[in-house]
C-alpha atoms as a PDB file:
ATOM      1  CA  MET A   1      19.253 237.220 -74.281  1.00  0.00           C
ATOM      2  CA  PRO A   2      20.315 235.899 -70.845  1.00  0.00           C
ATOM      3  CA  ALA A   3      23.869 235.124 -71.931  1.00  0.00           C
ATOM      4  CA  ARG A   4      24.418 238.723 -73.058  1.00  0.00           C
ATOM      5  CA  ARG A   5      22.975 240.116 -69.817  1.00  0.00           C
ATOM      6  CA  ARG A   6      25.217 237.707 -67.852  1.00  0.00           C
ATOM      7  CA  ASP A   7      28.332 238.835 -69.752  1.00  0.00           C
ATOM      8  CA  GLU A   8      27.433 242.501 -69.228  1.00  0.00           C
ATOM      9  CA  PHE A   9      26.933 241.936 -65.511  1.00  0.00           C
ATOM     10  CA  LEU A  10      30.245 240.073 -65.206  1.00  0.00           C
ATOM     11  CA  THR A  11      32.077 243.034 -66.834  1.00  0.00           C
ATOM     12  CA  SER A  12      30.213 245.631 -64.745  1.00  0.00           C
ATOM     13  CA  TRP A  13      30.749 243.702 -61.492  1.00  0.00           C
ATOM     14  CA  SER A  14      34.478 243.488 -62.208  1.00  0.00           C
ATOM     15  CA  ARG A  15      34.668 247.202 -62.881  1.00  0.00           C
ATOM     16  CA  LEU A  16      32.752 247.933 -59.624  1.00  0.00           C
ATOM     17  CA  MET A  17      35.098 245.788 -57.554  1.00  0.00           C
ATOM     18  CA  ILE A  18      38.144 247.449 -59.101  1.00  0.00           C
ATOM     19  CA  ALA A  19      36.694 250.915 -58.448  1.00  0.00           C
ATOM     20  CA  SER A  20      35.657 250.117 -54.924  1.00  0.00           C
ATOM     21  CA  PHE A  21      38.589 248.293 -53.404  1.00  0.00           C
ATOM     22  CA  GLY A  22      42.301 248.791 -53.268  1.00  0.00           C
ATOM     23  CA  SER A  23      43.163 245.108 -53.103  1.00  0.00           C
ATOM     24  CA  VAL A  24      41.818 241.607 -53.546  1.00  0.00           C
ATOM     25  CA  SER A  25      42.043 240.976 -49.818  1.00  0.00           C
ATOM     26  CA  GLU A  26      40.081 244.146 -49.003  1.00  0.00           C
ATOM     27  CA  CYS A  27      37.305 243.070 -51.365  1.00  0.00           C
ATOM     28  CA  ALA A  28      37.302 239.516 -50.008  1.00  0.00           C
ATOM     29  CA  GLU A  29      36.926 240.767 -46.478  1.00  0.00           C
ATOM     30  CA  TRP A  30      34.104 243.087 -47.423  1.00  0.00           C
ATOM     31  CA  ALA A  31      32.230 240.329 -49.235  1.00  0.00           C
ATOM     32  CA  GLY A  32      33.062 237.502 -46.842  1.00  0.00           C
ATOM     33  CA  VAL A  33      34.468 235.357 -49.616  1.00  0.00           C
ATOM     34  CA  SER A  34      37.899 233.914 -50.491  1.00  0.00           C
ATOM     35  CA  GLU A  35      40.568 235.773 -52.442  1.00  0.00           C
ATOM     36  CA  PRO A  36      40.375 233.209 -55.296  1.00  0.00           C
ATOM     37  CA  CYS A  37      36.632 233.998 -55.518  1.00  0.00           C
ATOM     38  CA  VAL A  38      37.352 237.699 -55.840  1.00  0.00           C
ATOM     39  CA  ARG A  39      39.986 237.016 -58.504  1.00  0.00           C
ATOM     40  CA  ASN A  40      37.307 235.119 -60.472  1.00  0.00           C
ATOM     41  CA  TRP A  41      35.059 238.202 -60.213  1.00  0.00           C
ATOM     42  CA  LEU A  42      37.847 240.500 -61.367  1.00  0.00           C
ATOM     43  CA  GLU A  43      38.621 238.256 -64.338  1.00  0.00           C
ATOM     44  CA  GLY A  44      34.970 237.901 -65.290  1.00  0.00           C
ATOM     45  CA  PHE A  45      34.770 234.159 -64.705  1.00  0.00           C
ATOM     46  CA  HIS A  46      32.054 234.149 -62.035  1.00  0.00           C
ATOM     47  CA  ARG A  47      29.445 236.480 -60.543  1.00  0.00           C
ATOM     48  CA  PRO A  48      28.395 236.932 -56.915  1.00  0.00           C
ATOM     49  CA  CYS A  49      25.273 235.695 -55.145  1.00  0.00           C
ATOM     50  CA  GLY A  50      22.300 237.951 -54.619  1.00  0.00           C
ATOM     51  CA  ASP A  51      23.121 238.774 -51.005  1.00  0.00           C
ATOM     52  CA  ILE A  52      26.480 240.194 -52.038  1.00  0.00           C
ATOM     53  CA  VAL A  53      24.915 242.204 -54.899  1.00  0.00           C
ATOM     54  CA  ALA A  54      22.403 243.635 -52.373  1.00  0.00           C
ATOM     55  CA  GLN A  55      25.205 244.497 -49.983  1.00  0.00           C
ATOM     56  CA  ALA A  56      27.031 246.265 -52.815  1.00  0.00           C
ATOM     57  CA  ALA A  57      23.891 248.242 -53.700  1.00  0.00           C
ATOM     58  CA  LEU A  58      23.590 249.396 -50.119  1.00  0.00           C
ATOM     59  CA  THR A  59      27.236 250.129 -49.357  1.00  0.00           C
ATOM     60  CA  LEU A  60      29.222 250.975 -52.515  1.00  0.00           C
ATOM     61  CA  PRO A  61      28.855 254.510 -53.756  1.00  0.00           C
ATOM     62  CA  ASP A  62      29.580 253.669 -57.384  1.00  0.00           C
ATOM     63  CA  PHE A  63      27.113 250.790 -57.617  1.00  0.00           C
ATOM     64  CA  ALA A  64      24.316 252.559 -59.503  1.00  0.00           C
ATOM     65  CA  ARG A  65      26.670 254.322 -61.909  1.00  0.00           C
ATOM     66  CA  ILE A  66      28.718 251.263 -62.833  1.00  0.00           C
ATOM     67  CA  ILE A  67      26.149 248.493 -62.715  1.00  0.00           C
ATOM     68  CA  GLY A  68      23.569 250.771 -64.365  1.00  0.00           C
ATOM     69  CA  GLU A  69      25.881 251.264 -67.345  1.00  0.00           C
ATOM     70  CA  GLY A  70      25.758 247.554 -68.146  1.00  0.00           C
END
């Protein structure tokens, strides 16, 4: 069920970004992406590339807890 996994990841990624950053601009700077891109993550419209997910796994303390919940 790839679509279900995708939807679960979109939701988890959004929750991780909200928990990890105080603003859209702070998140955008951390990820090296535009603010509209971050807003798409927060609204669950798009997901990040693998390098950003790897960066999150290495640098964000809540990654395993939030992404692991699915």
